[in-house]
Amino acid sequence: MTAPPLQPIHEDAHLLVLDKPAGLLCVPGRGEDKQDCLSARAMRQWPDALIVHRLDMATSGLVVMARSLDMQRALSAAFADRQVRKRYEAIVDGAMPVREDWSIIDAPLMADWPRRPLQKTDPAGKPSLTRWRALASSVQGEFGATHVLLEPETGRSHQLRVHLLSIGHPILGDALYGDAAMQARAPRLMLHASELAFAHPATQQSLRFESPSGFSLRRCEETVASGSSLHRGPEPYSVR
């Protein structure tokens, strides 16, 4: 079955901003069953589309693509030089303190070679920095969850997932870093790239894009109390 056409968040002669659904690869993987991906779908509509950065398959949200080699180089340099502001939303296990100021996770990361593709914190790893702020938390019986904003200052593989795990608050629905109980508490990895801001390399115009996550704690207590299955429809995801 052919996937429906992509609806760009932004489109101009130089770049695209797309909203990737959870469960879709950014680029093709190995095997015939992994050829459907965001870049392949984009190239069917925009043959000049080129990958600049990636999101994990399980992560949803905003992805920028270039429409020329020069623009690909310029955007890649902007990401490498930390000139792109990235913000994510997540639902994590446990109750975290809700306050206005941001906290920092400063923990070097490196590949966990015996368990590839997993990553781990290690003093010998690459410097990795994540800012976080809790928006809301909910506790019902033995279950607690928090809706957090995340701003990675660096762009290491699985950085947000491992950093949150390292402070005792793994992301709900994480099939790589969460145990069976953590995976069962959400229908997917509850991580969404919700905001991108950068200067357009061709025009120098300041650009800012947003994508609602649809994550919510509002029905958390009701879900836990009733023991009902998690909703997968158009309403915001609930977690327990």
C-alpha atoms as a PDB file:
ATOM      1  CA  MET A   1       0.000   0.000   0.000  1.00  0.00           C
ATOM      2  CA  THR A   2       1.348   3.422  -0.995  1.00  0.00           C
ATOM      3  CA  ALA A   3       1.764   5.841   1.894  1.00  0.00           C
ATOM      4  CA  PRO A   4      -0.296   9.049   1.713  1.00  0.00           C
ATOM      5  CA  PRO A   5       1.513  12.212   0.550  1.00  0.00           C
ATOM      6  CA  LEU A   6       3.554  14.058   3.154  1.00  0.00           C
ATOM      7  CA  GLN A   7       2.115  17.345   4.405  1.00  0.00           C
ATOM      8  CA  PRO A   8       5.118  19.635   4.975  1.00  0.00           C
ATOM      9  CA  ILE A   9       5.273  21.946   7.956  1.00  0.00           C
ATOM     10  CA  HIS A  10       7.363  24.239   5.752  1.00  0.00           C
ATOM     11  CA  GLU A  11       8.419  24.133   2.111  1.00  0.00           C
ATOM     12  CA  ASP A  12      10.531  26.531   0.074  1.00  0.00           C
ATOM     13  CA  ALA A  13      13.044  26.293  -2.761  1.00  0.00           C
ATOM     14  CA  HIS A  14      15.883  25.494  -0.342  1.00  0.00           C
ATOM     15  CA  LEU A  15      14.564  23.268   2.435  1.00  0.00           C
ATOM     16  CA  LEU A  16      11.687  21.254   3.850  1.00  0.00           C
ATOM     17  CA  VAL A  17      10.442  20.741   7.386  1.00  0.00           C
ATOM     18  CA  LEU A  18       8.502  17.501   7.843  1.00  0.00           C
ATOM     19  CA  ASP A  19       6.676  15.871  10.744  1.00  0.00           C
ATOM     20  CA  LYS A  20       7.850  12.254  11.068  1.00  0.00           C
ATOM     21  CA  PRO A  21       5.467   9.754  12.647  1.00  0.00           C
ATOM     22  CA  ALA A  22       6.696   7.316  15.271  1.00  0.00           C
ATOM     23  CA  GLY A  23       7.672   3.955  13.830  1.00  0.00           C
ATOM     24  CA  LEU A  24       9.021   5.311  10.524  1.00  0.00           C
ATOM     25  CA  LEU A  25      12.747   5.248   9.731  1.00  0.00           C
ATOM     26  CA  CYS A  26      14.408   8.462   8.580  1.00  0.00           C
ATOM     27  CA  VAL A  27      16.601   6.612   6.061  1.00  0.00           C
ATOM     28  CA  PRO A  28      16.428   3.090   4.600  1.00  0.00           C
ATOM     29  CA  GLY A  29      17.620   0.200   6.741  1.00  0.00           C
ATOM     30  CA  ARG A  30      18.894  -3.240   5.820  1.00  0.00           C
ATOM     31  CA  GLY A  31      16.361  -5.557   4.217  1.00  0.00           C
ATOM     32  CA  GLU A  32      13.370  -5.128   1.933  1.00  0.00           C
ATOM     33  CA  ASP A  33      11.062  -4.513   4.882  1.00  0.00           C
ATOM     34  CA  LYS A  34      13.041  -1.421   5.893  1.00  0.00           C
ATOM     35  CA  GLN A  35      13.020   0.503   2.614  1.00  0.00           C
ATOM     36  CA  ASP A  36       9.975   2.583   3.443  1.00  0.00           C
ATOM     37  CA  CYS A  37      11.269   5.658   5.273  1.00  0.00           C
ATOM     38  CA  LEU A  38      10.846   9.405   5.530  1.00  0.00           C
ATOM     39  CA  SER A  39      13.595  10.190   3.000  1.00  0.00           C
ATOM     40  CA  ALA A  40      12.126   7.783   0.411  1.00  0.00           C
ATOM     41  CA  ARG A  41       8.652   9.243   0.858  1.00  0.00           C
ATOM     42  CA  ALA A  42      10.019  12.773   0.620  1.00  0.00           C
ATOM     43  CA  MET A  43      11.950  12.011  -2.562  1.00  0.00           C
ATOM     44  CA  ARG A  44       8.776  10.794  -4.225  1.00  0.00           C
ATOM     45  CA  GLN A  45       7.332  14.288  -3.781  1.00  0.00           C
ATOM     46  CA  TRP A  46      10.544  16.334  -3.879  1.00  0.00           C
ATOM     47  CA  PRO A  47      13.207  14.471  -5.914  1.00  0.00           C
ATOM     48  CA  ASP A  48      15.900  16.883  -4.678  1.00  0.00           C
ATOM     49  CA  ALA A  49      15.253  16.182  -0.961  1.00  0.00           C
ATOM     50  CA  LEU A  50      18.399  15.355   1.041  1.00  0.00           C
ATOM     51  CA  ILE A  51      18.785  14.162   4.627  1.00  0.00           C
ATOM     52  CA  VAL A  52      20.411  16.599   7.076  1.00  0.00           C
ATOM     53  CA  HIS A  53      19.792  14.949  10.469  1.00  0.00           C
ATOM     54  CA  ARG A  54      17.825  12.011  11.826  1.00  0.00           C
ATOM     55  CA  LEU A  55      15.405  10.975  14.526  1.00  0.00           C
ATOM     56  CA  ASP A  56      15.278   7.468  15.939  1.00  0.00           C
ATOM     57  CA  MET A  57      12.655   5.277  14.318  1.00  0.00           C
ATOM     58  CA  ALA A  58      10.576   5.269  17.515  1.00  0.00           C
ATOM     59  CA  THR A  59      10.733   9.069  17.932  1.00  0.00           C
ATOM     60  CA  SER A  60       8.210  11.328  16.226  1.00  0.00           C
ATOM     61  CA  GLY A  61       8.467  14.976  15.280  1.00  0.00           C
ATOM     62  CA  LEU A  62      10.221  17.629  13.231  1.00  0.00           C
ATOM     63  CA  VAL A  63      12.879  16.802  10.637  1.00  0.00           C
ATOM     64  CA  VAL A  64      14.628  19.263   8.299  1.00  0.00           C
ATOM     65  CA  MET A  65      15.631  18.217   4.781  1.00  0.00           C
ATOM     66  CA  ALA A  66      17.721  20.179   2.284  1.00  0.00           C
ATOM     67  CA  ARG A  67      16.939  20.620  -1.406  1.00  0.00           C
ATOM     68  CA  SER A  68      20.508  21.017  -2.702  1.00  0.00           C
ATOM     69  CA  LEU A  69      23.991  19.898  -1.774  1.00  0.00           C
ATOM     70  CA  ASP A  70      24.959  23.442  -0.762  1.00  0.00           C
ATOM     71  CA  MET A  71      21.944  23.692   1.526  1.00  0.00           C
ATOM     72  CA  GLN A  72      22.658  20.237   2.949  1.00  0.00           C
ATOM     73  CA  ARG A  73      26.195  21.359   3.850  1.00  0.00           C
ATOM     74  CA  ALA A  74      24.963  24.634   5.337  1.00  0.00           C
ATOM     75  CA  LEU A  75      22.268  23.002   7.466  1.00  0.00           C
ATOM     76  CA  SER A  76      24.599  20.206   8.561  1.00  0.00           C
ATOM     77  CA  ALA A  77      27.118  22.829   9.683  1.00  0.00           C
ATOM     78  CA  ALA A  78      24.403  24.677  11.605  1.00  0.00           C
ATOM     79  CA  PHE A  79      23.522  21.489  13.504  1.00  0.00           C
ATOM     80  CA  ALA A  80      27.192  20.675  14.138  1.00  0.00           C
ATOM     81  CA  ASP A  81      27.891  24.221  15.381  1.00  0.00           C
ATOM     82  CA  ARG A  82      24.839  24.113  17.708  1.00  0.00           C
ATOM     83  CA  GLN A  83      23.114  26.924  15.826  1.00  0.00           C
ATOM     84  CA  VAL A  84      19.845  24.960  15.700  1.00  0.00           C
ATOM     85  CA  ARG A  85      17.680  25.052  18.822  1.00  0.00           C
ATOM     86  CA  LYS A  86      15.968  21.714  19.375  1.00  0.00           C
ATOM     87  CA  ARG A  87      13.243  21.016  21.882  1.00  0.00           C
ATOM     88  CA  TYR A  88      11.620  17.674  22.643  1.00  0.00           C
ATOM     89  CA  GLU A  89       8.767  16.503  24.824  1.00  0.00           C
ATOM     90  CA  ALA A  90       8.673  13.202  26.686  1.00  0.00           C
ATOM     91  CA  ILE A  91       6.657  11.309  29.258  1.00  0.00           C
ATOM     92  CA  VAL A  92       8.981   9.649  31.762  1.00  0.00           C
ATOM     93  CA  ASP A  93       8.619   7.268  34.665  1.00  0.00           C
ATOM     94  CA  GLY A  94       8.380   8.737  38.151  1.00  0.00           C
ATOM     95  CA  ALA A  95       7.456  12.100  39.623  1.00  0.00           C
ATOM     96  CA  MET A  96      10.004  14.850  38.915  1.00  0.00           C
ATOM     97  CA  PRO A  97       9.977  18.295  40.570  1.00  0.00           C
ATOM     98  CA  VAL A  98       7.885  20.824  38.619  1.00  0.00           C
ATOM     99  CA  ARG A  99       9.510  24.251  38.577  1.00  0.00           C
ATOM    100  CA  GLU A 100      10.247  27.107  36.185  1.00  0.00           C
ATOM    101  CA  ASP A 101      14.029  26.799  36.006  1.00  0.00           C
ATOM    102  CA  TRP A 102      15.870  24.279  33.876  1.00  0.00           C
ATOM    103  CA  SER A 103      18.052  21.467  35.203  1.00  0.00           C
ATOM    104  CA  ILE A 104      21.062  19.966  33.429  1.00  0.00           C
ATOM    105  CA  ILE A 105      22.220  16.406  32.822  1.00  0.00           C
ATOM    106  CA  ASP A 106      25.961  16.478  32.098  1.00  0.00           C
ATOM    107  CA  ALA A 107      26.997  12.872  31.428  1.00  0.00           C
ATOM    108  CA  PRO A 108      29.420  11.681  28.702  1.00  0.00           C
ATOM    109  CA  LEU A 109      28.071   8.978  26.407  1.00  0.00           C
ATOM    110  CA  MET A 110      29.666   6.151  24.467  1.00  0.00           C
ATOM    111  CA  ALA A 111      28.605   2.992  22.645  1.00  0.00           C
ATOM    112  CA  ASP A 112      27.816  -0.020  24.807  1.00  0.00           C
ATOM    113  CA  TRP A 113      29.699  -2.318  22.432  1.00  0.00           C
ATOM    114  CA  PRO A 114      28.563  -5.714  23.803  1.00  0.00           C
ATOM    115  CA  ARG A 115      24.953  -4.511  23.512  1.00  0.00           C
ATOM    116  CA  ARG A 116      25.038  -2.469  20.307  1.00  0.00           C
ATOM    117  CA  PRO A 117      23.206  -0.291  19.249  1.00  0.00           C
ATOM    118  CA  LEU A 118      22.721   0.687  22.905  1.00  0.00           C
ATOM    119  CA  GLN A 119      24.644   3.600  24.388  1.00  0.00           C
ATOM    120  CA  LYS A 120      25.756   4.174  27.961  1.00  0.00           C
ATOM    121  CA  THR A 121      27.094   6.892  30.253  1.00  0.00           C
ATOM    122  CA  ASP A 122      30.833   6.638  30.772  1.00  0.00           C
ATOM    123  CA  PRO A 123      33.470   9.176  31.894  1.00  0.00           C
ATOM    124  CA  ALA A 124      35.515   8.175  28.842  1.00  0.00           C
ATOM    125  CA  GLY A 125      32.641   8.967  26.466  1.00  0.00           C
ATOM    126  CA  LYS A 126      31.907  12.051  24.387  1.00  0.00           C
ATOM    127  CA  PRO A 127      30.734  15.173  26.255  1.00  0.00           C
ATOM    128  CA  SER A 128      26.934  15.196  26.308  1.00  0.00           C
ATOM    129  CA  LEU A 129      24.619  17.802  27.790  1.00  0.00           C
ATOM    130  CA  THR A 130      20.823  17.880  28.118  1.00  0.00           C
ATOM    131  CA  ARG A 131      18.620  20.574  29.667  1.00  0.00           C
ATOM    132  CA  TRP A 132      15.273  19.492  31.107  1.00  0.00           C
ATOM    133  CA  ARG A 133      12.257  21.005  32.796  1.00  0.00           C
ATOM    134  CA  ALA A 134       9.194  19.218  34.170  1.00  0.00           C
ATOM    135  CA  LEU A 135       5.830  20.579  33.000  1.00  0.00           C
ATOM    136  CA  ALA A 136       3.531  18.371  35.087  1.00  0.00           C
ATOM    137  CA  SER A 137       3.662  15.170  37.096  1.00  0.00           C
ATOM    138  CA  SER A 138       1.080  12.673  38.272  1.00  0.00           C
ATOM    139  CA  VAL A 139       1.169   9.881  40.850  1.00  0.00           C
ATOM    140  CA  GLN A 140      -1.480   7.205  41.240  1.00  0.00           C
ATOM    141  CA  GLY A 141      -0.692   4.389  43.627  1.00  0.00           C
ATOM    142  CA  GLU A 142       2.599   2.801  42.608  1.00  0.00           C
ATOM    143  CA  PHE A 143       2.686   4.596  39.276  1.00  0.00           C
ATOM    144  CA  GLY A 144       4.201   8.003  38.652  1.00  0.00           C
ATOM    145  CA  ALA A 145       4.866   9.868  35.421  1.00  0.00           C
ATOM    146  CA  THR A 146       6.117  13.308  34.393  1.00  0.00           C
ATOM    147  CA  HIS A 147       5.705  15.363  31.210  1.00  0.00           C
ATOM    148  CA  VAL A 148       9.071  16.988  30.497  1.00  0.00           C
ATOM    149  CA  LEU A 149      10.632  19.421  28.056  1.00  0.00           C
ATOM    150  CA  LEU A 150      14.109  18.507  26.818  1.00  0.00           C
ATOM    151  CA  GLU A 151      16.760  20.561  25.050  1.00  0.00           C
ATOM    152  CA  PRO A 152      19.835  18.598  23.948  1.00  0.00           C
ATOM    153  CA  GLU A 153      22.902  20.821  23.730  1.00  0.00           C
ATOM    154  CA  THR A 154      24.764  17.985  21.994  1.00  0.00           C
ATOM    155  CA  GLY A 155      23.439  15.431  19.524  1.00  0.00           C
ATOM    156  CA  ARG A 156      24.695  12.022  20.607  1.00  0.00           C
ATOM    157  CA  SER A 157      22.956   8.815  19.590  1.00  0.00           C
ATOM    158  CA  HIS A 158      20.089   8.010  21.990  1.00  0.00           C
ATOM    159  CA  GLN A 159      21.201  10.951  24.133  1.00  0.00           C
ATOM    160  CA  LEU A 160      17.824  11.865  25.622  1.00  0.00           C
ATOM    161  CA  ARG A 161      16.860   8.261  26.283  1.00  0.00           C
ATOM    162  CA  VAL A 162      20.115   7.403  28.058  1.00  0.00           C
ATOM    163  CA  HIS A 163      20.379  10.676  29.970  1.00  0.00           C
ATOM    164  CA  LEU A 164      16.878  10.311  31.409  1.00  0.00           C
ATOM    165  CA  LEU A 165      17.563   6.663  32.244  1.00  0.00           C
ATOM    166  CA  SER A 166      20.769   7.727  34.026  1.00  0.00           C
ATOM    167  CA  ILE A 167      18.832   9.926  36.482  1.00  0.00           C
ATOM    168  CA  GLY A 168      16.250   7.235  37.167  1.00  0.00           C
ATOM    169  CA  HIS A 169      13.465   8.463  34.873  1.00  0.00           C
ATOM    170  CA  PRO A 170      13.376   6.304  31.707  1.00  0.00           C
ATOM    171  CA  ILE A 171      11.018   7.334  28.919  1.00  0.00           C
ATOM    172  CA  LEU A 172       7.802   5.328  28.916  1.00  0.00           C
ATOM    173  CA  GLY A 173       7.398   2.905  26.025  1.00  0.00           C
ATOM    174  CA  ASP A 174      11.154   2.619  25.385  1.00  0.00           C
ATOM    175  CA  ALA A 175      11.749  -0.802  23.839  1.00  0.00           C
ATOM    176  CA  LEU A 176      15.553  -0.393  23.933  1.00  0.00           C
ATOM    177  CA  TYR A 177      16.217   0.925  27.428  1.00  0.00           C
ATOM    178  CA  GLY A 178      13.045   0.102  29.344  1.00  0.00           C
ATOM    179  CA  ASP A 179      12.021  -3.198  30.896  1.00  0.00           C
ATOM    180  CA  ALA A 180       8.791  -4.978  29.975  1.00  0.00           C
ATOM    181  CA  ALA A 181       6.798  -3.082  32.593  1.00  0.00           C
ATOM    182  CA  MET A 182       8.061   0.274  31.301  1.00  0.00           C
ATOM    183  CA  GLN A 183       7.222  -0.675  27.712  1.00  0.00           C
ATOM    184  CA  ALA A 184       3.720  -1.786  28.679  1.00  0.00           C
ATOM    185  CA  ARG A 185       2.850   1.611  30.137  1.00  0.00           C
ATOM    186  CA  ALA A 186       2.671   3.370  26.764  1.00  0.00           C
ATOM    187  CA  PRO A 187       1.754   2.405  23.185  1.00  0.00           C
ATOM    188  CA  ARG A 188       5.022   3.820  21.801  1.00  0.00           C
ATOM    189  CA  LEU A 189       8.199   5.599  22.836  1.00  0.00           C
ATOM    190  CA  MET A 190       6.867   8.785  24.408  1.00  0.00           C
ATOM    191  CA  LEU A 191       9.442  11.099  22.819  1.00  0.00           C
ATOM    192  CA  HIS A 192       8.601  13.809  20.282  1.00  0.00           C
ATOM    193  CA  ALA A 193      10.725  16.477  18.545  1.00  0.00           C
ATOM    194  CA  SER A 194       8.371  19.388  19.117  1.00  0.00           C
ATOM    195  CA  GLU A 195      10.349  22.486  18.135  1.00  0.00           C
ATOM    196  CA  LEU A 196      13.159  23.578  15.799  1.00  0.00           C
ATOM    197  CA  ALA A 197      14.537  27.099  15.454  1.00  0.00           C
ATOM    198  CA  PHE A 198      17.372  28.281  13.208  1.00  0.00           C
ATOM    199  CA  ALA A 199      18.420  30.957  10.730  1.00  0.00           C
ATOM    200  CA  HIS A 200      17.572  30.106   7.125  1.00  0.00           C
ATOM    201  CA  PRO A 201      20.987  29.622   5.458  1.00  0.00           C
ATOM    202  CA  ALA A 202      19.853  31.252   2.198  1.00  0.00           C
ATOM    203  CA  THR A 203      17.850  34.221   3.514  1.00  0.00           C
ATOM    204  CA  GLN A 204      19.109  34.552   7.126  1.00  0.00           C
ATOM    205  CA  GLN A 205      15.473  34.779   8.211  1.00  0.00           C
ATOM    206  CA  SER A 206      14.841  33.463  11.716  1.00  0.00           C
ATOM    207  CA  LEU A 207      12.672  30.368  11.482  1.00  0.00           C
ATOM    208  CA  ARG A 208      10.817  28.557  14.244  1.00  0.00           C
ATOM    209  CA  PHE A 209       8.635  25.497  13.806  1.00  0.00           C
ATOM    210  CA  GLU A 210       6.434  23.645  16.272  1.00  0.00           C
ATOM    211  CA  SER A 211       4.714  20.268  16.259  1.00  0.00           C
ATOM    212  CA  PRO A 212       2.309  19.324  19.082  1.00  0.00           C
ATOM    213  CA  SER A 213       3.250  16.050  20.751  1.00  0.00           C
ATOM    214  CA  GLY A 214      -0.257  15.029  21.740  1.00  0.00           C
ATOM    215  CA  PHE A 215       1.204  13.724  25.028  1.00  0.00           C
ATOM    216  CA  SER A 216      -0.884  14.288  28.144  1.00  0.00           C
ATOM    217  CA  LEU A 217      -1.065  13.297  31.788  1.00  0.00           C
ATOM    218  CA  ARG A 218      -4.666  14.430  32.152  1.00  0.00           C
ATOM    219  CA  ARG A 219      -6.182  10.966  32.086  1.00  0.00           C
ATOM    220  CA  CYS A 220      -3.280   9.289  33.867  1.00  0.00           C
ATOM    221  CA  GLU A 221      -5.089   8.673  37.155  1.00  0.00           C
ATOM    222  CA  GLU A 222      -8.232   7.460  35.383  1.00  0.00           C
ATOM    223  CA  THR A 223      -6.209   5.020  33.277  1.00  0.00           C
ATOM    224  CA  VAL A 224      -4.376   3.605  36.297  1.00  0.00           C
ATOM    225  CA  ALA A 225      -7.495   3.352  38.424  1.00  0.00           C
ATOM    226  CA  SER A 226      -9.511   1.572  35.748  1.00  0.00           C
ATOM    227  CA  GLY A 227      -6.671  -0.591  34.446  1.00  0.00           C
ATOM    228  CA  SER A 228      -7.967   0.129  30.945  1.00  0.00           C
ATOM    229  CA  SER A 229      -5.816  -0.323  27.861  1.00  0.00           C
ATOM    230  CA  LEU A 230      -3.963   2.666  26.492  1.00  0.00           C
ATOM    231  CA  HIS A 231      -5.695   4.659  23.783  1.00  0.00           C
ATOM    232  CA  ARG A 232      -4.155   4.707  20.312  1.00  0.00           C
ATOM    233  CA  GLY A 233      -6.703   6.940  18.592  1.00  0.00           C
ATOM    234  CA  PRO A 234      -6.763  10.650  17.867  1.00  0.00           C
ATOM    235  CA  GLU A 235      -7.029  11.732  21.526  1.00  0.00           C
ATOM    236  CA  PRO A 236      -3.793  12.539  23.419  1.00  0.00           C
ATOM    237  CA  TYR A 237      -1.914   9.457  24.608  1.00  0.00           C
ATOM    238  CA  SER A 238      -2.401   8.641  28.257  1.00  0.00           C
ATOM    239  CA  VAL A 239       0.121   6.827  30.378  1.00  0.00           C
ATOM    240  CA  ARG A 240       0.082   5.130  33.728  1.00  0.00           C
END
